[in-house]
């Protein structure tokens, strides 16, 4: 996905074993922030506390080894097995892929 302006795409709900999320690339002056929402049940779409855009640390650069962080959190261990939706706030960014470990 390549975006020259600003956008907020999201994923469909996924239930996967997760601990860390890795973005790939931004262009000069660009950034990516990732927020996490619930993806199942009555609370589908609710934000996870501490994992929204306000707490998300901007990713800038070109790296496949950079881990997404939120203020005070660098792991998603507590969400392992939950169905989640990722929301990407991207500006001047090229997100070729993302993955979890």
PDB file of N, CA and C in Angstrom:
ATOM      1  N   UNK A   1       0.855  -1.153   0.000  1.00  0.00           N
ATOM      2  CA  UNK A   1       0.000   0.000   0.000  1.00  0.00           C
ATOM      3  C   UNK A   1       0.905   1.221   0.000  1.00  0.00           C
ATOM      4  N   UNK A   2       0.712   2.114  -0.947  1.00  0.00           N
ATOM      5  CA  UNK A   2       1.522   3.323  -1.005  1.00  0.00           C
ATOM      6  C   UNK A   2       0.583   4.522  -0.982  1.00  0.00           C
ATOM      7  N   UNK A   3       0.832   5.437  -0.073  1.00  0.00           N
ATOM      8  CA  UNK A   3      -0.022   6.599   0.071  1.00  0.00           C
ATOM      9  C   UNK A   3       0.832   7.851   0.090  1.00  0.00           C
ATOM     10  N   UNK A   4       0.504   8.806  -0.760  1.00  0.00           N
ATOM     11  CA  UNK A   4       1.254  10.045  -0.797  1.00  0.00           C
ATOM     12  C   UNK A   4       0.731  11.058   0.194  1.00  0.00           C
ATOM     13  N   UNK A   5      -0.553  11.020   0.474  1.00  0.00           N
ATOM     14  CA  UNK A   5      -1.157  11.954   1.420  1.00  0.00           C
ATOM     15  C   UNK A   5      -1.374  11.280   2.749  1.00  0.00           C
ATOM     16  N   UNK A   6      -2.517  11.539   3.354  1.00  0.00           N
ATOM     17  CA  UNK A   6      -2.843  10.932   4.642  1.00  0.00           C
ATOM     18  C   UNK A   6      -3.964   9.931   4.448  1.00  0.00           C
ATOM     19  N   UNK A   7      -3.943   8.868   5.225  1.00  0.00           N
ATOM     20  CA  UNK A   7      -4.984   7.858   5.142  1.00  0.00           C
ATOM     21  C   UNK A   7      -5.039   7.083   6.443  1.00  0.00           C
ATOM     22  N   UNK A   8      -6.176   6.404   6.662  1.00  0.00           N
ATOM     23  CA  UNK A   8      -6.349   5.566   7.833  1.00  0.00           C
ATOM     24  C   UNK A   8      -6.966   4.231   7.445  1.00  0.00           C
ATOM     25  N   UNK A   9      -6.228   3.389   6.718  1.00  0.00           N
ATOM     26  CA  UNK A   9      -6.754   2.064   6.383  1.00  0.00           C
ATOM     27  C   UNK A   9      -6.739   1.156   7.598  1.00  0.00           C
ATOM     28  N   UNK A  10      -7.550   0.088   7.552  1.00  0.00           N
ATOM     29  CA  UNK A  10      -7.577  -0.865   8.661  1.00  0.00           C
ATOM     30  C   UNK A  10      -7.663  -2.278   8.108  1.00  0.00           C
ATOM     31  N   UNK A  11      -7.385  -3.263   8.963  1.00  0.00           N
ATOM     32  CA  UNK A  11      -7.460  -4.656   8.575  1.00  0.00           C
ATOM     33  C   UNK A  11      -8.812  -5.223   8.970  1.00  0.00           C
ATOM     34  N   UNK A  12      -9.155  -6.364   8.404  1.00  0.00           N
ATOM     35  CA  UNK A  12     -10.312  -7.110   8.886  1.00  0.00           C
ATOM     36  C   UNK A  12      -9.889  -7.812  10.173  1.00  0.00           C
ATOM     37  N   UNK A  13     -10.845  -8.281  10.991  1.00  0.00           N
ATOM     38  CA  UNK A  13     -10.462  -8.910  12.262  1.00  0.00           C
ATOM     39  C   UNK A  13      -9.580 -10.129  12.041  1.00  0.00           C
ATOM     40  N   UNK A  14      -8.530 -10.252  12.840  1.00  0.00           N
ATOM     41  CA  UNK A  14      -7.615 -11.385  12.781  1.00  0.00           C
ATOM     42  C   UNK A  14      -7.388 -11.891  14.190  1.00  0.00           C
ATOM     43  N   UNK A  15      -7.375 -13.193  14.338  1.00  0.00           N
ATOM     44  CA  UNK A  15      -7.028 -13.802  15.613  1.00  0.00           C
ATOM     45  C   UNK A  15      -5.753 -14.598  15.385  1.00  0.00           C
ATOM     46  N   UNK A  16      -4.662 -14.072  15.889  1.00  0.00           N
ATOM     47  CA  UNK A  16      -3.357 -14.655  15.620  1.00  0.00           C
ATOM     48  C   UNK A  16      -2.490 -14.566  16.865  1.00  0.00           C
ATOM     49  N   UNK A  17      -1.512 -15.455  16.959  1.00  0.00           N
ATOM     50  CA  UNK A  17      -0.578 -15.281  18.076  1.00  0.00           C
ATOM     51  C   UNK A  17       0.319 -14.094  17.783  1.00  0.00           C
ATOM     52  N   UNK A  18       0.332 -13.105  18.653  1.00  0.00           N
ATOM     53  CA  UNK A  18       1.095 -11.890  18.374  1.00  0.00           C
ATOM     54  C   UNK A  18       1.906 -11.470  19.584  1.00  0.00           C
ATOM     55  N   UNK A  19       3.025 -10.891  19.340  1.00  0.00           N
ATOM     56  CA  UNK A  19       3.766 -10.226  20.402  1.00  0.00           C
ATOM     57  C   UNK A  19       4.237  -8.860  19.948  1.00  0.00           C
ATOM     58  N   UNK A  20       4.755  -8.781  18.711  1.00  0.00           N
ATOM     59  CA  UNK A  20       5.264  -7.510  18.207  1.00  0.00           C
ATOM     60  C   UNK A  20       4.819  -7.327  16.765  1.00  0.00           C
ATOM     61  N   UNK A  21       4.681  -6.092  16.342  1.00  0.00           N
ATOM     62  CA  UNK A  21       4.271  -5.763  14.975  1.00  0.00           C
ATOM     63  C   UNK A  21       5.370  -4.922  14.334  1.00  0.00           C
ATOM     64  N   UNK A  22       5.698  -5.232  13.074  1.00  0.00           N
ATOM     65  CA  UNK A  22       6.779  -4.561  12.367  1.00  0.00           C
ATOM     66  C   UNK A  22       6.250  -3.858  11.111  1.00  0.00           C
ATOM     67  N   UNK A  23       6.342  -2.533  11.015  1.00  0.00           N
ATOM     68  CA  UNK A  23       6.054  -1.853   9.754  1.00  0.00           C
ATOM     69  C   UNK A  23       7.315  -1.828   8.895  1.00  0.00           C
ATOM     70  N   UNK A  24       7.215  -1.332   7.678  1.00  0.00           N
ATOM     71  CA  UNK A  24       8.365  -1.409   6.798  1.00  0.00           C
ATOM     72  C   UNK A  24       8.956  -0.064   6.378  1.00  0.00           C
ATOM     73  N   UNK A  25       8.209   0.871   5.803  1.00  0.00           N
ATOM     74  CA  UNK A  25       8.873   2.029   5.201  1.00  0.00           C
ATOM     75  C   UNK A  25       7.990   3.270   5.199  1.00  0.00           C
ATOM     76  N   UNK A  26       8.642   4.416   5.419  1.00  0.00           N
ATOM     77  CA  UNK A  26       8.000   5.700   5.189  1.00  0.00           C
ATOM     78  C   UNK A  26       8.879   6.516   4.253  1.00  0.00           C
ATOM     79  N   UNK A  27       8.293   7.500   3.591  1.00  0.00           N
ATOM     80  CA  UNK A  27       9.060   8.403   2.733  1.00  0.00           C
ATOM     81  C   UNK A  27       9.495   9.611   3.549  1.00  0.00           C
ATOM     82  N   UNK A  28      10.393  10.425   3.022  1.00  0.00           N
ATOM     83  CA  UNK A  28      10.833  11.615   3.768  1.00  0.00           C
ATOM     84  C   UNK A  28       9.639  12.461   4.218  1.00  0.00           C
ATOM     85  N   UNK A  29       9.625  12.827   5.476  1.00  0.00           N
ATOM     86  CA  UNK A  29       8.543  13.624   6.041  1.00  0.00           C
ATOM     87  C   UNK A  29       7.301  12.825   6.396  1.00  0.00           C
ATOM     88  N   UNK A  30       7.323  11.529   6.149  1.00  0.00           N
ATOM     89  CA  UNK A  30       6.154  10.696   6.411  1.00  0.00           C
ATOM     90  C   UNK A  30       6.245   9.957   7.731  1.00  0.00           C
ATOM     91  N   UNK A  31       5.134   9.295   8.086  1.00  0.00           N
ATOM     92  CA  UNK A  31       5.098   8.501   9.316  1.00  0.00           C
ATOM     93  C   UNK A  31       3.999   7.462   9.224  1.00  0.00           C
ATOM     94  N   UNK A  32       4.102   6.487  10.100  1.00  0.00           N
ATOM     95  CA  UNK A  32       3.062   5.482  10.294  1.00  0.00           C
ATOM     96  C   UNK A  32       2.827   5.373  11.794  1.00  0.00           C
ATOM     97  N   UNK A  33       1.562   5.390  12.181  1.00  0.00           N
ATOM     98  CA  UNK A  33       1.164   5.067  13.552  1.00  0.00           C
ATOM     99  C   UNK A  33       0.158   3.939  13.451  1.00  0.00           C
ATOM    100  N   UNK A  34       0.180   3.053  14.407  1.00  0.00           N
ATOM    101  CA  UNK A  34      -0.735   1.917  14.396  1.00  0.00           C
ATOM    102  C   UNK A  34      -1.525   1.910  15.693  1.00  0.00           C
ATOM    103  N   UNK A  35      -2.828   1.691  15.563  1.00  0.00           N
ATOM    104  CA  UNK A  35      -3.716   1.553  16.719  1.00  0.00           C
ATOM    105  C   UNK A  35      -4.398   0.194  16.631  1.00  0.00           C
ATOM    106  N   UNK A  36      -4.839  -0.315  17.773  1.00  0.00           N
ATOM    107  CA  UNK A  36      -5.447  -1.642  17.838  1.00  0.00           C
ATOM    108  C   UNK A  36      -6.866  -1.521  18.371  1.00  0.00           C
ATOM    109  N   UNK A  37      -7.801  -2.192  17.661  1.00  0.00           N
ATOM    110  CA  UNK A  37      -9.203  -2.232  18.085  1.00  0.00           C
ATOM    111  C   UNK A  37      -9.636  -3.679  18.239  1.00  0.00           C
ATOM    112  N   UNK A  38     -10.662  -3.875  19.025  1.00  0.00           N
ATOM    113  CA  UNK A  38     -11.226  -5.225  19.185  1.00  0.00           C
ATOM    114  C   UNK A  38     -11.863  -5.654  17.867  1.00  0.00           C
ATOM    115  N   UNK A  39     -11.818  -6.948  17.602  1.00  0.00           N
ATOM    116  CA  UNK A  39     -12.361  -7.457  16.343  1.00  0.00           C
ATOM    117  C   UNK A  39     -13.425  -8.514  16.500  1.00  0.00           C
ATOM    118  N   UNK A  40     -14.037  -8.615  17.688  1.00  0.00           N
ATOM    119  CA  UNK A  40     -15.055  -9.653  17.859  1.00  0.00           C
ATOM    120  C   UNK A  40     -16.078  -9.261  18.922  1.00  0.00           C
ATOM    121  N   UNK A  41     -17.202  -9.938  18.899  1.00  0.00           N
ATOM    122  CA  UNK A  41     -18.208  -9.825  19.946  1.00  0.00           C
ATOM    123  C   UNK A  41     -18.868  -8.462  20.054  1.00  0.00           C
ATOM    124  N   UNK A  42     -19.486  -8.225  21.196  1.00  0.00           N
ATOM    125  CA  UNK A  42     -20.228  -6.996  21.441  1.00  0.00           C
ATOM    126  C   UNK A  42     -19.351  -5.755  21.407  1.00  0.00           C
ATOM    127  N   UNK A  43     -18.077  -5.920  21.708  1.00  0.00           N
ATOM    128  CA  UNK A  43     -17.177  -4.761  21.785  1.00  0.00           C
ATOM    129  C   UNK A  43     -16.372  -4.590  20.500  1.00  0.00           C
ATOM    130  N   UNK A  44     -16.805  -5.236  19.428  1.00  0.00           N
ATOM    131  CA  UNK A  44     -16.108  -5.123  18.140  1.00  0.00           C
ATOM    132  C   UNK A  44     -15.947  -3.652  17.767  1.00  0.00           C
ATOM    133  N   UNK A  45     -14.718  -3.270  17.459  1.00  0.00           N
ATOM    134  CA  UNK A  45     -14.436  -1.892  17.081  1.00  0.00           C
ATOM    135  C   UNK A  45     -13.980  -1.009  18.219  1.00  0.00           C
ATOM    136  N   UNK A  46     -14.152  -1.457  19.465  1.00  0.00           N
ATOM    137  CA  UNK A  46     -13.680  -0.662  20.610  1.00  0.00           C
ATOM    138  C   UNK A  46     -12.158  -0.601  20.604  1.00  0.00           C
ATOM    139  N   UNK A  47     -11.632   0.523  21.018  1.00  0.00           N
ATOM    140  CA  UNK A  47     -10.182   0.675  21.126  1.00  0.00           C
ATOM    141  C   UNK A  47      -9.678  -0.069  22.350  1.00  0.00           C
ATOM    142  N   UNK A  48      -8.524  -0.700  22.211  1.00  0.00           N
ATOM    143  CA  UNK A  48      -7.838  -1.247  23.386  1.00  0.00           C
ATOM    144  C   UNK A  48      -7.187  -0.088  24.123  1.00  0.00           C
ATOM    145  N   UNK A  49      -7.376  -0.046  25.423  1.00  0.00           N
ATOM    146  CA  UNK A  49      -6.783   1.020  26.221  1.00  0.00           C
ATOM    147  C   UNK A  49      -5.261   0.977  26.095  1.00  0.00           C
ATOM    148  N   UNK A  50      -4.681   2.148  25.833  1.00  0.00           N
ATOM    149  CA  UNK A  50      -3.236   2.262  25.720  1.00  0.00           C
ATOM    150  C   UNK A  50      -2.667   1.895  24.366  1.00  0.00           C
ATOM    151  N   UNK A  51      -3.524   1.475  23.423  1.00  0.00           N
ATOM    152  CA  UNK A  51      -3.043   1.062  22.101  1.00  0.00           C
ATOM    153  C   UNK A  51      -3.706   1.856  20.979  1.00  0.00           C
ATOM    154  N   UNK A  52      -4.064   3.117  21.262  1.00  0.00           N
ATOM    155  CA  UNK A  52      -4.692   3.940  20.230  1.00  0.00           C
ATOM    156  C   UNK A  52      -3.653   4.874  19.601  1.00  0.00           C
ATOM    157  N   UNK A  53      -4.083   5.710  18.686  1.00  0.00           N
ATOM    158  CA  UNK A  53      -3.154   6.597  17.975  1.00  0.00           C
ATOM    159  C   UNK A  53      -2.446   7.576  18.915  1.00  0.00           C
ATOM    160  N   UNK A  54      -3.138   8.050  19.949  1.00  0.00           N
ATOM    161  CA  UNK A  54      -2.516   9.001  20.874  1.00  0.00           C
ATOM    162  C   UNK A  54      -1.327   8.399  21.613  1.00  0.00           C
ATOM    163  N   UNK A  55      -1.421   7.116  21.943  1.00  0.00           N
ATOM    164  CA  UNK A  55      -0.325   6.450  22.645  1.00  0.00           C
ATOM    165  C   UNK A  55       0.702   5.852  21.690  1.00  0.00           C
ATOM    166  N   UNK A  56       0.361   5.771  20.414  1.00  0.00           N
ATOM    167  CA  UNK A  56       1.262   5.161  19.434  1.00  0.00           C
ATOM    168  C   UNK A  56       2.469   6.033  19.128  1.00  0.00           C
ATOM    169  N   UNK A  57       3.621   5.421  19.072  1.00  0.00           N
ATOM    170  CA  UNK A  57       4.852   6.122  18.724  1.00  0.00           C
ATOM    171  C   UNK A  57       4.980   6.124  17.204  1.00  0.00           C
ATOM    172  N   UNK A  58       5.240   7.279  16.623  1.00  0.00           N
ATOM    173  CA  UNK A  58       5.371   7.373  15.163  1.00  0.00           C
ATOM    174  C   UNK A  58       6.562   6.568  14.683  1.00  0.00           C
ATOM    175  N   UNK A  59       6.336   5.769  13.646  1.00  0.00           N
ATOM    176  CA  UNK A  59       7.427   5.070  12.980  1.00  0.00           C
ATOM    177  C   UNK A  59       7.826   5.911  11.776  1.00  0.00           C
ATOM    178  N   UNK A  60       9.112   6.193  11.666  1.00  0.00           N
ATOM    179  CA  UNK A  60       9.663   6.924  10.526  1.00  0.00           C
ATOM    180  C   UNK A  60      10.903   6.180  10.069  1.00  0.00           C
ATOM    181  N   UNK A  61      11.039   6.004   8.774  1.00  0.00           N
ATOM    182  CA  UNK A  61      12.250   5.384   8.267  1.00  0.00           C
ATOM    183  C   UNK A  61      11.978   4.219   7.338  1.00  0.00           C
ATOM    184  N   UNK A  62      13.005   3.432   7.118  1.00  0.00           N
ATOM    185  CA  UNK A  62      12.975   2.316   6.188  1.00  0.00           C
ATOM    186  C   UNK A  62      13.652   1.142   6.873  1.00  0.00           C
ATOM    187  N   UNK A  63      12.868   0.321   7.530  1.00  0.00           N
ATOM    188  CA  UNK A  63      13.447  -0.746   8.324  1.00  0.00           C
ATOM    189  C   UNK A  63      12.472  -1.904   8.439  1.00  0.00           C
ATOM    190  N   UNK A  64      12.995  -3.108   8.330  1.00  0.00           N
ATOM    191  CA  UNK A  64      12.164  -4.283   8.575  1.00  0.00           C
ATOM    192  C   UNK A  64      12.373  -4.821   9.981  1.00  0.00           C
ATOM    193  N   UNK A  65      13.200  -4.153  10.766  1.00  0.00           N
ATOM    194  CA  UNK A  65      13.474  -4.610  12.114  1.00  0.00           C
ATOM    195  C   UNK A  65      12.934  -3.711  13.202  1.00  0.00           C
ATOM    196  N   UNK A  66      12.216  -2.663  12.816  1.00  0.00           N
ATOM    197  CA  UNK A  66      11.680  -1.710  13.786  1.00  0.00           C
ATOM    198  C   UNK A  66      10.372  -2.251  14.366  1.00  0.00           C
ATOM    199  N   UNK A  67      10.252  -2.236  15.669  1.00  0.00           N
ATOM    200  CA  UNK A  67       9.065  -2.744  16.348  1.00  0.00           C
ATOM    201  C   UNK A  67       8.132  -1.587  16.660  1.00  0.00           C
ATOM    202  N   UNK A  68       6.839  -1.776  16.428  1.00  0.00           N
ATOM    203  CA  UNK A  68       5.842  -0.775  16.778  1.00  0.00           C
ATOM    204  C   UNK A  68       5.766  -0.673  18.300  1.00  0.00           C
ATOM    205  N   UNK A  69       5.713   0.554  18.791  1.00  0.00           N
ATOM    206  CA  UNK A  69       5.621   0.788  20.230  1.00  0.00           C
ATOM    207  C   UNK A  69       4.476   1.737  20.544  1.00  0.00           C
ATOM    208  N   UNK A  70       3.958   1.590  21.733  1.00  0.00           N
ATOM    209  CA  UNK A  70       3.001   2.525  22.297  1.00  0.00           C
ATOM    210  C   UNK A  70       3.596   2.988  23.603  1.00  0.00           C
ATOM    211  N   UNK A  71       3.246   4.178  24.046  1.00  0.00           N
ATOM    212  CA  UNK A  71       3.810   4.706  25.300  1.00  0.00           C
ATOM    213  C   UNK A  71       3.656   3.673  26.418  1.00  0.00           C
ATOM    214  N   UNK A  72       4.765   3.194  26.907  1.00  0.00           N
ATOM    215  CA  UNK A  72       4.738   2.224  27.988  1.00  0.00           C
ATOM    216  C   UNK A  72       4.566   0.780  27.564  1.00  0.00           C
ATOM    217  N   UNK A  73       4.401   0.518  26.247  1.00  0.00           N
ATOM    218  CA  UNK A  73       4.204  -0.863  25.777  1.00  0.00           C
ATOM    219  C   UNK A  73       5.033  -1.092  24.522  1.00  0.00           C
ATOM    220  N   UNK A  74       5.763  -2.177  24.508  1.00  0.00           N
ATOM    221  CA  UNK A  74       6.484  -2.544  23.293  1.00  0.00           C
ATOM    222  C   UNK A  74       6.142  -3.969  22.883  1.00  0.00           C
ATOM    223  N   UNK A  75       5.072  -4.518  23.468  1.00  0.00           N
ATOM    224  CA  UNK A  75       4.653  -5.874  23.175  1.00  0.00           C
ATOM    225  C   UNK A  75       3.130  -5.947  23.178  1.00  0.00           C
ATOM    226  N   UNK A  76       2.600  -6.893  22.418  1.00  0.00           N
ATOM    227  CA  UNK A  76       1.161  -7.135  22.392  1.00  0.00           C
ATOM    228  C   UNK A  76       0.842  -8.494  23.025  1.00  0.00           C
ATOM    229  N   UNK A  77       1.712  -8.957  23.909  1.00  0.00           N
ATOM    230  CA  UNK A  77       1.525 -10.265  24.550  1.00  0.00           C
ATOM    231  C   UNK A  77       0.142 -10.424  25.164  1.00  0.00           C
ATOM    232  N   UNK A  78      -0.375  -9.367  25.769  1.00  0.00           N
ATOM    233  CA  UNK A  78      -1.658  -9.462  26.463  1.00  0.00           C
ATOM    234  C   UNK A  78      -2.835  -9.695  25.512  1.00  0.00           C
ATOM    235  N   UNK A  79      -2.633  -9.498  24.206  1.00  0.00           N
ATOM    236  CA  UNK A  79      -3.713  -9.675  23.233  1.00  0.00           C
ATOM    237  C   UNK A  79      -3.633 -11.016  22.500  1.00  0.00           C
ATOM    238  N   UNK A  80      -2.662 -11.833  22.840  1.00  0.00           N
ATOM    239  CA  UNK A  80      -2.473 -13.097  22.133  1.00  0.00           C
ATOM    240  C   UNK A  80      -3.764 -13.910  22.124  1.00  0.00           C
ATOM    241  N   UNK A  81      -4.196 -14.320  20.933  1.00  0.00           N
ATOM    242  CA  UNK A  81      -5.422 -15.088  20.764  1.00  0.00           C
ATOM    243  C   UNK A  81      -6.667 -14.254  20.578  1.00  0.00           C
ATOM    244  N   UNK A  82      -6.621 -12.942  20.864  1.00  0.00           N
ATOM    245  CA  UNK A  82      -7.769 -12.066  20.659  1.00  0.00           C
ATOM    246  C   UNK A  82      -7.944 -11.760  19.171  1.00  0.00           C
ATOM    247  N   UNK A  83      -9.173 -11.568  18.751  1.00  0.00           N
ATOM    248  CA  UNK A  83      -9.431 -11.062  17.406  1.00  0.00           C
ATOM    249  C   UNK A  83      -9.251  -9.550  17.452  1.00  0.00           C
ATOM    250  N   UNK A  84      -8.371  -9.028  16.618  1.00  0.00           N
ATOM    251  CA  UNK A  84      -8.065  -7.600  16.643  1.00  0.00           C
ATOM    252  C   UNK A  84      -8.178  -7.003  15.249  1.00  0.00           C
ATOM    253  N   UNK A  85      -8.287  -5.687  15.192  1.00  0.00           N
ATOM    254  CA  UNK A  85      -8.207  -4.905  13.954  1.00  0.00           C
ATOM    255  C   UNK A  85      -7.066  -3.918  14.131  1.00  0.00           C
ATOM    256  N   UNK A  86      -6.201  -3.840  13.142  1.00  0.00           N
ATOM    257  CA  UNK A  86      -5.145  -2.830  13.161  1.00  0.00           C
ATOM    258  C   UNK A  86      -5.593  -1.646  12.327  1.00  0.00           C
ATOM    259  N   UNK A  87      -5.383  -0.458  12.827  1.00  0.00           N
ATOM    260  CA  UNK A  87      -5.672   0.767  12.091  1.00  0.00           C
ATOM    261  C   UNK A  87      -4.351   1.492  11.874  1.00  0.00           C
ATOM    262  N   UNK A  88      -4.113   1.869  10.635  1.00  0.00           N
ATOM    263  CA  UNK A  88      -2.868   2.525  10.268  1.00  0.00           C
ATOM    264  C   UNK A  88      -3.144   3.983   9.967  1.00  0.00           C
ATOM    265  N   UNK A  89      -2.455   4.869  10.640  1.00  0.00           N
ATOM    266  CA  UNK A  89      -2.496   6.301  10.326  1.00  0.00           C
ATOM    267  C   UNK A  89      -1.205   6.560   9.581  1.00  0.00           C
ATOM    268  N   UNK A  90      -1.333   6.851   8.300  1.00  0.00           N
ATOM    269  CA  UNK A  90      -0.168   6.957   7.437  1.00  0.00           C
ATOM    270  C   UNK A  90      -0.167   8.278   6.691  1.00  0.00           C
ATOM    271  N   UNK A  91       0.983   8.873   6.636  1.00  0.00           N
ATOM    272  CA  UNK A  91       1.161  10.079   5.837  1.00  0.00           C
ATOM    273  C   UNK A  91       2.501   9.959   5.124  1.00  0.00           C
ATOM    274  N   UNK A  92       2.468  10.143   3.791  1.00  0.00           N
ATOM    275  CA  UNK A  92       3.666   9.993   2.971  1.00  0.00           C
ATOM    276  C   UNK A  92       4.384   8.695   3.313  1.00  0.00           C
ATOM    277  N   UNK A  93       3.629   7.612   3.287  1.00  0.00           N
ATOM    278  CA  UNK A  93       4.176   6.323   3.716  1.00  0.00           C
ATOM    279  C   UNK A  93       3.935   5.249   2.675  1.00  0.00           C
ATOM    280  N   UNK A  94       4.841   4.310   2.627  1.00  0.00           N
ATOM    281  CA  UNK A  94       4.718   3.132   1.792  1.00  0.00           C
ATOM    282  C   UNK A  94       4.776   1.927   2.714  1.00  0.00           C
ATOM    283  N   UNK A  95       3.651   1.310   2.913  1.00  0.00           N
ATOM    284  CA  UNK A  95       3.584   0.143   3.775  1.00  0.00           C
ATOM    285  C   UNK A  95       3.496  -1.079   2.877  1.00  0.00           C
ATOM    286  N   UNK A  96       4.632  -1.718   2.652  1.00  0.00           N
ATOM    287  CA  UNK A  96       4.661  -2.879   1.782  1.00  0.00           C
ATOM    288  C   UNK A  96       4.133  -4.109   2.492  1.00  0.00           C
ATOM    289  N   UNK A  97       4.385  -4.201   3.764  1.00  0.00           N
ATOM    290  CA  UNK A  97       3.902  -5.347   4.534  1.00  0.00           C
ATOM    291  C   UNK A  97       4.053  -5.028   6.016  1.00  0.00           C
ATOM    292  N   UNK A  98       3.448  -5.878   6.814  1.00  0.00           N
ATOM    293  CA  UNK A  98       3.652  -5.843   8.247  1.00  0.00           C
ATOM    294  C   UNK A  98       3.485  -7.282   8.717  1.00  0.00           C
ATOM    295  N   UNK A  99       4.075  -7.601   9.813  1.00  0.00           N
ATOM    296  CA  UNK A  99       3.945  -8.955  10.321  1.00  0.00           C
ATOM    297  C   UNK A  99       4.094  -8.959  11.822  1.00  0.00           C
ATOM    298  N   UNK A 100       3.785 -10.123  12.391  1.00  0.00           N
ATOM    299  CA  UNK A 100       3.858 -10.304  13.830  1.00  0.00           C
ATOM    300  C   UNK A 100       4.822 -11.430  14.145  1.00  0.00           C
ATOM    301  N   UNK A 101       5.452 -11.329  15.284  1.00  0.00           N
ATOM    302  CA  UNK A 101       6.282 -12.412  15.815  1.00  0.00           C
ATOM    303  C   UNK A 101       5.782 -12.763  17.191  1.00  0.00           C
TER     304      UNK A 101
END
